[in-house]
PDB file of N, CA and C in Angstrom:
ATOM      1  N   MET A   1      34.180  10.207  -6.406  1.00  0.00           N
ATOM      2  CA  MET A   1      33.120  10.012  -6.934  1.00  0.00           C
ATOM      3  C   MET A   1      31.762  10.040  -6.037  1.00  0.00           C
ATOM      4  N   PHE A   2      30.442   9.971  -6.450  1.00  0.00           N
ATOM      5  CA  PHE A   2      29.290   9.767  -5.867  1.00  0.00           C
ATOM      6  C   PHE A   2      28.966   8.667  -5.977  1.00  0.00           C
ATOM      7  N   LYS A   3      28.355   8.097  -4.899  1.00  0.00           N
ATOM      8  CA  LYS A   3      27.852   6.755  -4.627  1.00  0.00           C
ATOM      9  C   LYS A   3      26.292   7.072  -4.512  1.00  0.00           C
ATOM     10  N   LYS A   4      25.639   5.792  -4.631  1.00  0.00           N
ATOM     11  CA  LYS A   4      24.205   5.769  -4.919  1.00  0.00           C
ATOM     12  C   LYS A   4      23.689   6.100  -3.468  1.00  0.00           C
ATOM     13  N   GLY A   5      22.819   7.150  -3.038  1.00  0.00           N
ATOM     14  CA  GLY A   5      22.180   7.179  -2.120  1.00  0.00           C
ATOM     15  C   GLY A   5      23.240   8.235  -0.806  1.00  0.00           C
ATOM     16  N   GLN A   6      24.322   8.635  -1.359  1.00  0.00           N
ATOM     17  CA  GLN A   6      24.976   9.478  -0.708  1.00  0.00           C
ATOM     18  C   GLN A   6      24.614  10.891  -1.315  1.00  0.00           C
ATOM     19  N   THR A   7      24.685  11.735  -0.032  1.00  0.00           N
ATOM     20  CA  THR A   7      24.126  13.420  -0.202  1.00  0.00           C
ATOM     21  C   THR A   7      25.417  14.175  -0.267  1.00  0.00           C
ATOM     22  N   GLY A   8      25.522  15.086  -1.000  1.00  0.00           N
ATOM     23  CA  GLY A   8      26.550  16.060  -0.868  1.00  0.00           C
ATOM     24  C   GLY A   8      27.645  15.522  -1.357  1.00  0.00           C
ATOM     25  N   ASN A   9      28.856  16.338  -1.155  1.00  0.00           N
ATOM     26  CA  ASN A   9      30.348  16.459  -1.721  1.00  0.00           C
ATOM     27  C   ASN A   9      31.058  15.347  -0.611  1.00  0.00           C
ATOM     28  N   PRO A  10      31.478  14.104  -0.993  1.00  0.00           N
ATOM     29  CA  PRO A  10      32.098  13.411   0.115  1.00  0.00           C
ATOM     30  C   PRO A  10      33.183  13.797   0.459  1.00  0.00           C
ATOM     31  N   ASN A  11      34.116  14.752  -0.215  1.00  0.00           N
ATOM     32  CA  ASN A  11      35.223  15.162   0.178  1.00  0.00           C
ATOM     33  C   ASN A  11      34.997  16.664   0.862  1.00  0.00           C
ATOM     34  N   GLY A  12      33.559  17.231   1.182  1.00  0.00           N
ATOM     35  CA  GLY A  12      33.554  18.190   1.612  1.00  0.00           C
ATOM     36  C   GLY A  12      33.451  19.435   0.829  1.00  0.00           C
ATOM     37  N   ARG A  13      33.171  20.417   1.290  1.00  0.00           N
ATOM     38  CA  ARG A  13      32.892  21.674   0.227  1.00  0.00           C
ATOM     39  C   ARG A  13      34.609  22.203  -0.227  1.00  0.00           C
ATOM     40  N   PRO A  14      34.493  22.345  -1.465  1.00  0.00           N
ATOM     41  CA  PRO A  14      36.203  22.882  -1.828  1.00  0.00           C
ATOM     42  C   PRO A  14      36.623  24.160  -1.208  1.00  0.00           C
ATOM     43  N   LYS A  15      37.692  24.527  -0.890  1.00  0.00           N
ATOM     44  CA  LYS A  15      38.128  25.579  -0.275  1.00  0.00           C
ATOM     45  C   LYS A  15      39.093  26.184  -1.286  1.00  0.00           C
ATOM     46  N   ARG A  16      38.745  27.570  -1.482  1.00  0.00           N
ATOM     47  CA  ARG A  16      39.077  28.231  -2.680  1.00  0.00           C
ATOM     48  C   ARG A  16      39.576  29.542  -1.855  1.00  0.00           C
ATOM     49  N   LYS A  17      40.929  29.990  -1.761  1.00  0.00           N
ATOM     50  CA  LYS A  17      41.431  31.082  -1.479  1.00  0.00           C
ATOM     51  C   LYS A  17      42.320  31.738  -2.486  1.00  0.00           C
ATOM     52  N   ASP A  18      41.778  33.125  -2.752  1.00  0.00           N
ATOM     53  CA  ASP A  18      43.007  33.393  -3.854  1.00  0.00           C
ATOM     54  C   ASP A  18      43.987  34.459  -3.510  1.00  0.00           C
ATOM     55  N   GLU A  19      44.676  34.742  -4.288  1.00  0.00           N
ATOM     56  CA  GLU A  19      46.067  35.068  -3.701  1.00  0.00           C
ATOM     57  C   GLU A  19      45.730  36.392  -2.852  1.00  0.00           C
ATOM     58  N   LEU A  20      44.912  37.192  -3.036  1.00  0.00           N
ATOM     59  CA  LEU A  20      44.598  38.313  -2.297  1.00  0.00           C
ATOM     60  C   LEU A  20      44.200  38.108  -0.819  1.00  0.00           C
ATOM     61  N   THR A  21      43.060  37.189  -0.736  1.00  0.00           N
ATOM     62  CA  THR A  21      42.698  36.738   0.605  1.00  0.00           C
ATOM     63  C   THR A  21      43.972  35.988   1.522  1.00  0.00           C
ATOM     64  N   LYS A  22      44.803  35.125   0.788  1.00  0.00           N
ATOM     65  CA  LYS A  22      45.770  34.789   1.745  1.00  0.00           C
ATOM     66  C   LYS A  22      46.659  35.644   2.048  1.00  0.00           C
ATOM     67  N   ASP A  23      46.941  36.619   1.147  1.00  0.00           N
ATOM     68  CA  ASP A  23      47.997  38.044   1.490  1.00  0.00           C
ATOM     69  C   ASP A  23      47.609  38.587   2.856  1.00  0.00           C
ATOM     70  N   ILE A  24      45.892  39.116   2.406  1.00  0.00           N
ATOM     71  CA  ILE A  24      45.596  39.610   3.988  1.00  0.00           C
ATOM     72  C   ILE A  24      45.533  38.862   5.104  1.00  0.00           C
ATOM     73  N   PHE A  25      45.251  37.498   5.095  1.00  0.00           N
ATOM     74  CA  PHE A  25      45.644  36.701   6.284  1.00  0.00           C
ATOM     75  C   PHE A  25      46.790  37.003   6.857  1.00  0.00           C
ATOM     76  N   ASN A  26      47.771  36.499   5.843  1.00  0.00           N
ATOM     77  CA  ASN A  26      49.303  36.716   6.211  1.00  0.00           C
ATOM     78  C   ASN A  26      49.794  38.223   6.857  1.00  0.00           C
ATOM     79  N   ARG A  27      49.064  39.098   6.157  1.00  0.00           N
ATOM     80  CA  ARG A  27      49.269  40.725   7.170  1.00  0.00           C
ATOM     81  C   ARG A  27      48.687  40.717   8.181  1.00  0.00           C
ATOM     82  N   ILE A  28      47.402  40.264   8.346  1.00  0.00           N
ATOM     83  CA  ILE A  28      46.872  40.149   9.672  1.00  0.00           C
ATOM     84  C   ILE A  28      47.499  39.483  10.635  1.00  0.00           C
ATOM     85  N   ARG A  29      48.125  38.310  10.509  1.00  0.00           N
ATOM     86  CA  ARG A  29      48.923  37.566  11.077  1.00  0.00           C
ATOM     87  C   ARG A  29      50.300  38.130  11.640  1.00  0.00           C
ATOM     88  N   ALA A  30      50.900  38.862  10.584  1.00  0.00           N
ATOM     89  CA  ALA A  30      51.858  39.643  10.904  1.00  0.00           C
ATOM     90  C   ALA A  30      51.827  40.742  11.693  1.00  0.00           C
ATOM     91  N   GLY A  31      50.664  41.479  11.718  1.00  0.00           N
ATOM     92  CA  GLY A  31      50.203  42.757  12.767  1.00  0.00           C
ATOM     93  C   GLY A  31      50.380  43.923  11.780  1.00  0.00           C
ATOM     94  N   GLU A  32      50.547  43.846  10.470  1.00  0.00           N
ATOM     95  CA  GLU A  32      50.670  44.718   9.255  1.00  0.00           C
ATOM     96  C   GLU A  32      49.320  45.412   9.369  1.00  0.00           C
ATOM     97  N   LEU A  33      48.209  44.664   9.156  1.00  0.00           N
ATOM     98  CA  LEU A  33      46.960  45.176   9.256  1.00  0.00           C
ATOM     99  C   LEU A  33      46.125  45.415  10.961  1.00  0.00           C
ATOM    100  N   LYS A  34      45.535  46.261  11.130  1.00  0.00           N
ATOM    101  CA  LYS A  34      44.830  46.179  12.570  1.00  0.00           C
ATOM    102  C   LYS A  34      43.605  46.687  12.255  1.00  0.00           C
ATOM    103  N   MET A  35      43.104  47.549  11.407  1.00  0.00           N
ATOM    104  CA  MET A  35      41.552  47.941  11.141  1.00  0.00           C
ATOM    105  C   MET A  35      41.143  47.945   9.743  1.00  0.00           C
ATOM    106  N   PRO A  36      39.810  47.740   9.125  1.00  0.00           N
ATOM    107  CA  PRO A  36      39.292  47.657   8.212  1.00  0.00           C
ATOM    108  C   PRO A  36      39.913  48.766   7.245  1.00  0.00           C
ATOM    109  N   LEU A  37      40.063  49.554   7.586  1.00  0.00           N
ATOM    110  CA  LEU A  37      40.625  50.953   6.970  1.00  0.00           C
ATOM    111  C   LEU A  37      42.018  50.629   6.186  1.00  0.00           C
ATOM    112  N   ASP A  38      42.887  50.137   7.155  1.00  0.00           N
ATOM    113  CA  ASP A  38      44.209  49.701   6.919  1.00  0.00           C
ATOM    114  C   ASP A  38      44.121  48.792   5.695  1.00  0.00           C
ATOM    115  N   PHE A  39      43.511  47.862   5.655  1.00  0.00           N
ATOM    116  CA  PHE A  39      43.235  46.809   4.293  1.00  0.00           C
ATOM    117  C   PHE A  39      42.661  47.723   3.207  1.00  0.00           C
ATOM    118  N   MET A  40      42.138  48.417   3.272  1.00  0.00           N
ATOM    119  CA  MET A  40      41.103  49.047   2.351  1.00  0.00           C
ATOM    120  C   MET A  40      42.387  49.952   1.602  1.00  0.00           C
ATOM    121  N   LEU A  41      42.738  50.857   2.548  1.00  0.00           N
ATOM    122  CA  LEU A  41      43.723  51.542   1.902  1.00  0.00           C
ATOM    123  C   LEU A  41      44.974  51.219   1.422  1.00  0.00           C
ATOM    124  N   SER A  42      45.230  49.896   1.878  1.00  0.00           N
ATOM    125  CA  SER A  42      46.490  49.351   1.307  1.00  0.00           C
ATOM    126  C   SER A  42      46.301  48.762   0.068  1.00  0.00           C
ATOM    127  N   ILE A  43      44.706  48.412  -0.434  1.00  0.00           N
ATOM    128  CA  ILE A  43      44.496  48.092  -1.466  1.00  0.00           C
ATOM    129  C   ILE A  43      44.573  49.170  -2.498  1.00  0.00           C
ATOM    130  N   LEU A  44      44.063  50.005  -2.451  1.00  0.00           N
ATOM    131  CA  LEU A  44      44.126  51.567  -2.800  1.00  0.00           C
ATOM    132  C   LEU A  44      45.476  51.908  -3.352  1.00  0.00           C
ATOM    133  N   THR A  45      46.794  51.658  -2.421  1.00  0.00           N
ATOM    134  CA  THR A  45      47.760  52.204  -2.702  1.00  0.00           C
ATOM    135  C   THR A  45      48.888  51.047  -3.100  1.00  0.00           C
ATOM    136  N   SER A  46      48.301  49.913  -3.356  1.00  0.00           N
ATOM    137  CA  SER A  46      49.246  48.828  -3.733  1.00  0.00           C
ATOM    138  C   SER A  46      49.682  49.047  -5.077  1.00  0.00           C
ATOM    139  N   LYS A  47      50.912  48.720  -5.400  1.00  0.00           N
ATOM    140  CA  LYS A  47      51.505  48.524  -6.636  1.00  0.00           C
ATOM    141  C   LYS A  47      51.526  47.478  -7.297  1.00  0.00           C
ATOM    142  N   GLU A  48      50.772  46.270  -6.759  1.00  0.00           N
ATOM    143  CA  GLU A  48      50.888  45.110  -7.167  1.00  0.00           C
ATOM    144  C   GLU A  48      50.010  44.855  -8.517  1.00  0.00           C
ATOM    145  N   LYS A  49      50.412  44.211  -9.599  1.00  0.00           N
ATOM    146  CA  LYS A  49      49.640  43.832 -10.649  1.00  0.00           C
ATOM    147  C   LYS A  49      48.336  43.224 -10.602  1.00  0.00           C
ATOM    148  N   GLY A  50      48.336  42.234  -9.489  1.00  0.00           N
ATOM    149  CA  GLY A  50      46.924  41.345  -9.219  1.00  0.00           C
ATOM    150  C   GLY A  50      45.805  42.110  -8.985  1.00  0.00           C
ATOM    151  N   ILE A  51      45.931  43.493  -8.226  1.00  0.00           N
ATOM    152  CA  ILE A  51      44.893  44.302  -7.936  1.00  0.00           C
ATOM    153  C   ILE A  51      44.423  44.811  -9.048  1.00  0.00           C
ATOM    154  N   THR A  52      43.059  44.638  -9.467  1.00  0.00           N
ATOM    155  CA  THR A  52      42.186  45.456 -10.472  1.00  0.00           C
ATOM    156  C   THR A  52      41.794  46.677 -10.581  1.00  0.00           C
ATOM    157  N   LEU A  53      40.936  47.092 -11.410  1.00  0.00           N
ATOM    158  CA  LEU A  53      40.582  48.661 -10.902  1.00  0.00           C
ATOM    159  C   LEU A  53      39.125  48.412 -10.212  1.00  0.00           C
ATOM    160  N   ASP A  54      38.380  47.203 -10.481  1.00  0.00           N
ATOM    161  CA  ASP A  54      37.292  47.120  -9.442  1.00  0.00           C
ATOM    162  C   ASP A  54      37.529  46.774  -8.136  1.00  0.00           C
ATOM    163  N   ASP A  55      38.856  46.213  -7.724  1.00  0.00           N
ATOM    164  CA  ASP A  55      39.238  46.018  -6.492  1.00  0.00           C
ATOM    165  C   ASP A  55      39.429  47.305  -5.871  1.00  0.00           C
ATOM    166  N   ARG A  56      40.081  48.305  -6.676  1.00  0.00           N
ATOM    167  CA  ARG A  56      40.366  49.456  -5.916  1.00  0.00           C
ATOM    168  C   ARG A  56      39.283  50.083  -5.759  1.00  0.00           C
ATOM    169  N   LYS A  57      38.153  50.351  -6.641  1.00  0.00           N
ATOM    170  CA  LYS A  57      36.964  50.714  -6.546  1.00  0.00           C
ATOM    171  C   LYS A  57      36.271  50.365  -5.340  1.00  0.00           C
ATOM    172  N   TRP A  58      36.250  49.200  -5.393  1.00  0.00           N
ATOM    173  CA  TRP A  58      35.415  48.681  -3.907  1.00  0.00           C
ATOM    174  C   TRP A  58      36.192  48.997  -2.793  1.00  0.00           C
ATOM    175  N   ALA A  59      37.326  49.074  -2.676  1.00  0.00           N
ATOM    176  CA  ALA A  59      38.035  49.670  -1.402  1.00  0.00           C
ATOM    177  C   ALA A  59      37.894  51.203  -1.273  1.00  0.00           C
ATOM    178  N   ALA A  60      37.803  52.055  -2.481  1.00  0.00           N
ATOM    179  CA  ALA A  60      37.664  53.600  -2.276  1.00  0.00           C
ATOM    180  C   ALA A  60      36.141  53.811  -1.842  1.00  0.00           C
ATOM    181  N   GLN A  61      35.160  52.754  -2.526  1.00  0.00           N
ATOM    182  CA  GLN A  61      33.988  52.920  -1.810  1.00  0.00           C
ATOM    183  C   GLN A  61      33.618  52.636  -0.094  1.00  0.00           C
ATOM    184  N   HIS A  62      34.444  51.801   0.111  1.00  0.00           N
ATOM    185  CA  HIS A  62      34.313  51.185   1.315  1.00  0.00           C
ATOM    186  C   HIS A  62      34.914  51.812   2.673  1.00  0.00           C
ATOM    187  N   ALA A  63      36.007  52.612   1.940  1.00  0.00           N
ATOM    188  CA  ALA A  63      36.910  53.403   3.012  1.00  0.00           C
ATOM    189  C   ALA A  63      36.416  54.790   3.090  1.00  0.00           C
ATOM    190  N   ALA A  64      35.856  55.569   2.154  1.00  0.00           N
ATOM    191  CA  ALA A  64      35.128  56.699   2.004  1.00  0.00           C
ATOM    192  C   ALA A  64      34.478  56.936   3.459  1.00  0.00           C
ATOM    193  N   PRO A  65      33.462  56.273   4.029  1.00  0.00           N
ATOM    194  CA  PRO A  65      32.941  56.591   5.222  1.00  0.00           C
ATOM    195  C   PRO A  65      33.728  56.814   6.210  1.00  0.00           C
ATOM    196  N   TYR A  66      34.893  56.086   6.503  1.00  0.00           N
ATOM    197  CA  TYR A  66      35.867  56.221   7.505  1.00  0.00           C
ATOM    198  C   TYR A  66      36.759  57.282   7.409  1.00  0.00           C
ATOM    199  N   CYS A  67      36.867  57.594   6.040  1.00  0.00           N
ATOM    200  CA  CYS A  67      37.713  59.059   5.797  1.00  0.00           C
ATOM    201  C   CYS A  67      37.061  60.363   5.394  1.00  0.00           C
ATOM    202  N   HIS A  68      35.935  60.563   5.445  1.00  0.00           N
ATOM    203  CA  HIS A  68      35.095  61.639   5.128  1.00  0.00           C
ATOM    204  C   HIS A  68      33.882  61.819   5.551  1.00  0.00           C
ATOM    205  N   LYS A  69      33.114  62.767   6.093  1.00  0.00           N
ATOM    206  CA  LYS A  69      32.068  62.891   6.716  1.00  0.00           C
ATOM    207  C   LYS A  69      31.014  63.048   5.545  1.00  0.00           C
ATOM    208  N   LYS A  70      29.563  62.753   6.050  1.00  0.00           N
ATOM    209  CA  LYS A  70      28.815  62.964   4.715  1.00  0.00           C
ATOM    210  C   LYS A  70      28.461  64.306   4.641  1.00  0.00           C
ATOM    211  N   MET A  71      28.293  64.820   3.603  1.00  0.00           N
ATOM    212  CA  MET A  71      27.795  66.203   3.374  1.00  0.00           C
ATOM    213  C   MET A  71      26.481  66.343   4.005  1.00  0.00           C
ATOM    214  N   PRO A  72      26.148  67.637   4.712  1.00  0.00           N
ATOM    215  CA  PRO A  72      24.979  67.837   5.422  1.00  0.00           C
ATOM    216  C   PRO A  72      23.900  68.279   4.279  1.00  0.00           C
ATOM    217  N   ILE A  73      22.661  68.044   4.614  1.00  0.00           N
ATOM    218  CA  ILE A  73      21.732  68.343   3.770  1.00  0.00           C
ATOM    219  C   ILE A  73      21.462  70.078   3.540  1.00  0.00           C
ATOM    220  N   ALA A  74      21.439  70.322   2.293  1.00  0.00           N
ATOM    221  CA  ALA A  74      21.554  71.731   1.821  1.00  0.00           C
ATOM    222  C   ALA A  74      20.401  72.535   2.127  1.00  0.00           C
ATOM    223  N   ILE A  75      20.242  73.514   2.703  1.00  0.00           N
ATOM    224  CA  ILE A  75      18.667  74.030   2.967  1.00  0.00           C
ATOM    225  C   ILE A  75      18.534  75.159   1.882  1.00  0.00           C
ATOM    226  N   GLU A  76      17.875  74.744   0.900  1.00  0.00           N
ATOM    227  CA  GLU A  76      17.499  75.984  -0.328  1.00  0.00           C
ATOM    228  C   GLU A  76      17.053  77.163   0.192  1.00  0.00           C
ATOM    229  N   GLY A  77      17.137  78.302  -0.772  1.00  0.00           N
ATOM    230  CA  GLY A  77      16.713  79.575  -0.534  1.00  0.00           C
ATOM    231  C   GLY A  77      17.990  80.179  -0.837  1.00  0.00           C
ATOM    232  N   GLY A  78      19.156  79.859  -0.142  1.00  0.00           N
ATOM    233  CA  GLY A  78      20.189  80.582  -0.333  1.00  0.00           C
ATOM    234  C   GLY A  78      20.298  82.008   0.654  1.00  0.00           C
ATOM    235  N   GLY A  79      19.239  82.389   1.508  1.00  0.00           N
ATOM    236  CA  GLY A  79      19.120  83.366   2.496  1.00  0.00           C
ATOM    237  C   GLY A  79      20.380  83.183   3.285  1.00  0.00           C
ATOM    238  N   ALA A  80      20.265  84.339   4.328  1.00  0.00           N
ATOM    239  CA  ALA A  80      21.195  84.201   5.566  1.00  0.00           C
ATOM    240  C   ALA A  80      21.065  82.854   6.490  1.00  0.00           C
ATOM    241  N   PRO A  81      21.854  82.739   6.975  1.00  0.00           N
ATOM    242  CA  PRO A  81      21.893  81.374   8.064  1.00  0.00           C
ATOM    243  C   PRO A  81      20.687  81.660   9.042  1.00  0.00           C
ATOM    244  N   ILE A  82      20.177  80.305   9.360  1.00  0.00           N
ATOM    245  CA  ILE A  82      19.166  80.642  10.441  1.00  0.00           C
ATOM    246  C   ILE A  82      19.619  81.079  11.806  1.00  0.00           C
ATOM    247  N   GLN A  83      18.897  81.935  12.525  1.00  0.00           N
ATOM    248  CA  GLN A  83      19.476  82.182  13.959  1.00  0.00           C
ATOM    249  C   GLN A  83      18.621  81.900  14.994  1.00  0.00           C
ATOM    250  N   VAL A  84      19.024  81.551  16.021  1.00  0.00           N
ATOM    251  CA  VAL A  84      18.742  80.723  16.916  1.00  0.00           C
ATOM    252  C   VAL A  84      19.045  81.741  18.317  1.00  0.00           C
ATOM    253  N   PHE A  85      17.880  82.245  18.954  1.00  0.00           N
ATOM    254  CA  PHE A  85      18.184  82.675  20.373  1.00  0.00           C
ATOM    255  C   PHE A  85      17.066  82.245  21.145  1.00  0.00           C
ATOM    256  N   ASP A  86      17.289  82.599  22.548  1.00  0.00           N
ATOM    257  CA  ASP A  86      16.726  81.910  23.499  1.00  0.00           C
ATOM    258  C   ASP A  86      15.499  82.703  23.836  1.00  0.00           C
ATOM    259  N   ALA A  87      14.161  81.880  23.452  1.00  0.00           N
ATOM    260  CA  ALA A  87      12.910  82.696  23.537  1.00  0.00           C
ATOM    261  C   ALA A  87      12.663  83.378  24.985  1.00  0.00           C
ATOM    262  N   THR A  88      13.257  83.111  25.996  1.00  0.00           N
ATOM    263  CA  THR A  88      13.462  83.750  27.408  1.00  0.00           C
ATOM    264  C   THR A  88      13.500  85.326  27.546  1.00  0.00           C
ATOM    265  N   LYS A  89      14.396  85.915  26.266  1.00  0.00           N
ATOM    266  CA  LYS A  89      14.898  86.931  25.933  1.00  0.00           C
ATOM    267  C   LYS A  89      13.281  87.600  25.753  1.00  0.00           C
ATOM    268  N   LEU A  90      12.506  86.920  24.752  1.00  0.00           N
ATOM    269  CA  LEU A  90      11.321  87.747  24.197  1.00  0.00           C
ATOM    270  C   LEU A  90      10.325  88.262  25.726  1.00  0.00           C
ATOM    271  N   ALA A  91      10.657  87.676  26.739  1.00  0.00           N
ATOM    272  CA  ALA A  91       9.929  87.698  28.030  1.00  0.00           C
ATOM    273  C   ALA A  91      10.093  89.354  28.311  1.00  0.00           C
ATOM    274  N   LYS A  92      11.453  89.765  28.144  1.00  0.00           N
ATOM    275  CA  LYS A  92      11.765  91.008  28.276  1.00  0.00           C
ATOM    276  C   LYS A  92      11.095  92.389  27.655  1.00  0.00           C
ATOM    277  N   LEU A  93      10.430  91.635  26.574  1.00  0.00           N
ATOM    278  CA  LEU A  93       9.795  92.802  25.676  1.00  0.00           C
ATOM    279  C   LEU A  93       8.511  92.959  26.110  1.00  0.00           C
ATOM    280  N   ASP A  94       8.239  94.299  26.000  1.00  0.00           N
ATOM    281  CA  ASP A  94       6.742  94.789  26.295  1.00  0.00           C
ATOM    282  C   ASP A  94       5.853  94.479  25.338  1.00  0.00           C
ATOM    283  N   THR A  95       4.707  94.857  25.627  1.00  0.00           N
ATOM    284  CA  THR A  95       3.721  94.534  24.346  1.00  0.00           C
ATOM    285  C   THR A  95       3.718  95.388  23.493  1.00  0.00           C
ATOM    286  N   LYS A  96       4.168  96.321  23.510  1.00  0.00           N
ATOM    287  CA  LYS A  96       4.347  97.435  22.243  1.00  0.00           C
ATOM    288  C   LYS A  96       5.441  96.721  21.370  1.00  0.00           C
ATOM    289  N   GLU A  97       6.390  96.581  21.969  1.00  0.00           N
ATOM    290  CA  GLU A  97       7.916  95.921  21.337  1.00  0.00           C
ATOM    291  C   GLU A  97       7.339  94.657  20.620  1.00  0.00           C
ATOM    292  N   LEU A  98       6.835  94.044  20.955  1.00  0.00           N
ATOM    293  CA  LEU A  98       6.351  92.550  20.560  1.00  0.00           C
ATOM    294  C   LEU A  98       5.053  92.937  19.361  1.00  0.00           C
ATOM    295  N   LYS A  99       4.646  93.802  19.279  1.00  0.00           N
ATOM    296  CA  LYS A  99       3.554  93.851  18.252  1.00  0.00           C
ATOM    297  C   LYS A  99       4.466  94.604  17.165  1.00  0.00           C
ATOM    298  N   ILE A 100       5.694  95.106  17.513  1.00  0.00           N
ATOM    299  CA  ILE A 100       6.583  95.593  16.254  1.00  0.00           C
ATOM    300  C   ILE A 100       7.301  94.550  15.644  1.00  0.00           C
ATOM    301  N   LEU A 101       7.652  93.607  16.391  1.00  0.00           N
ATOM    302  CA  LEU A 101       8.590  92.429  16.216  1.00  0.00           C
ATOM    303  C   LEU A 101       7.655  91.710  15.332  1.00  0.00           C
ATOM    304  N   MET A 102       6.061  91.138  15.897  1.00  0.00           N
ATOM    305  CA  MET A 102       5.479  90.339  15.066  1.00  0.00           C
ATOM    306  C   MET A 102       4.979  91.115  13.725  1.00  0.00           C
ATOM    307  N   SER A 103       4.879  92.256  13.362  1.00  0.00           N
ATOM    308  CA  SER A 103       4.609  93.022  12.236  1.00  0.00           C
ATOM    309  C   SER A 103       5.714  92.898  11.358  1.00  0.00           C
ATOM    310  N   LEU A 104       7.120  92.885  11.858  1.00  0.00           N
ATOM    311  CA  LEU A 104       8.163  92.977  11.100  1.00  0.00           C
ATOM    312  C   LEU A 104       8.444  91.418  10.553  1.00  0.00           C
ATOM    313  N   LEU A 105       8.182  90.474  11.638  1.00  0.00           N
ATOM    314  CA  LEU A 105       8.142  89.004  10.703  1.00  0.00           C
ATOM    315  C   LEU A 105       7.073  88.843  10.084  1.00  0.00           C
ATOM    316  N   ALA A 106       5.848  89.234  10.059  1.00  0.00           N
ATOM    317  CA  ALA A 106       4.881  88.942   9.064  1.00  0.00           C
ATOM    318  C   ALA A 106       5.274  89.481   7.801  1.00  0.00           C
ATOM    319  N   LYS A 107       5.789  90.941   7.702  1.00  0.00           N
ATOM    320  CA  LYS A 107       6.477  91.489   6.533  1.00  0.00           C
ATOM    321  C   LYS A 107       7.483  90.597   5.863  1.00  0.00           C
ATOM    322  N   LEU A 108       8.209  89.765   6.480  1.00  0.00           N
ATOM    323  CA  LEU A 108       9.330  88.969   6.333  1.00  0.00           C
ATOM    324  C   LEU A 108       8.614  87.594   5.853  1.00  0.00           C
ATOM    325  N   GLY A 109       7.480  87.216   5.923  1.00  0.00           N
ATOM    326  CA  GLY A 109       6.715  86.110   5.646  1.00  0.00           C
ATOM    327  C   GLY A 109       6.707  84.867   6.779  1.00  0.00           C
ATOM    328  N   VAL A 110       7.248  85.604   7.766  1.00  0.00           N
ATOM    329  CA  VAL A 110       7.176  84.117   8.837  1.00  0.00           C
ATOM    330  C   VAL A 110       5.741  84.174   9.490  1.00  0.00           C
ATOM    331  N   GLU A 111       5.248  83.135   9.218  1.00  0.00           N
ATOM    332  CA  GLU A 111       4.020  82.747   9.575  1.00  0.00           C
ATOM    333  C   GLU A 111       3.933  81.882  10.862  1.00  0.00           C
ATOM    334  N   GLY A 112       2.675  81.583  11.662  1.00  0.00           N
ATOM    335  CA  GLY A 112       2.306  80.626  12.498  1.00  0.00           C
ATOM    336  C   GLY A 112       2.941  81.027  13.885  1.00  0.00           C
ATOM    337  N   LEU A 113       3.335  82.361  14.048  1.00  0.00           N
ATOM    338  CA  LEU A 113       3.821  82.853  15.662  1.00  0.00           C
ATOM    339  C   LEU A 113       2.785  83.599  16.319  1.00  0.00           C
ATOM    340  N   GLY A 114       1.588  83.704  15.956  1.00  0.00           N
ATOM    341  CA  GLY A 114       0.692  84.500  16.362  1.00  0.00           C
ATOM    342  C   GLY A 114      -0.183  83.754  17.305  1.00  0.00           C
TER     343      GLY A 114
END
């Protein structure tokens, strides 16, 4: 019971650990779980009835970055892949070859090289 002039809970904050939390601590102490990924995968693959679909969704969402790379950003247009070359090779071209190259690039719609 609270007494007049007393603040807070005289017994301290109530401690509540559900069965899943107790299981986690026991498995960490026993050395079964070493990494967060181990814990999340154990939730996903567990046959225990106490683990809900929401628990499994949480585990899948948080385990995914450990297991799968992010997809790269797609470059729209569907054309050929971008070609990369060393610009020092252009120095080997004479003036006539450079003009031909520039006109070909202009026909392809490449701008801003002049």
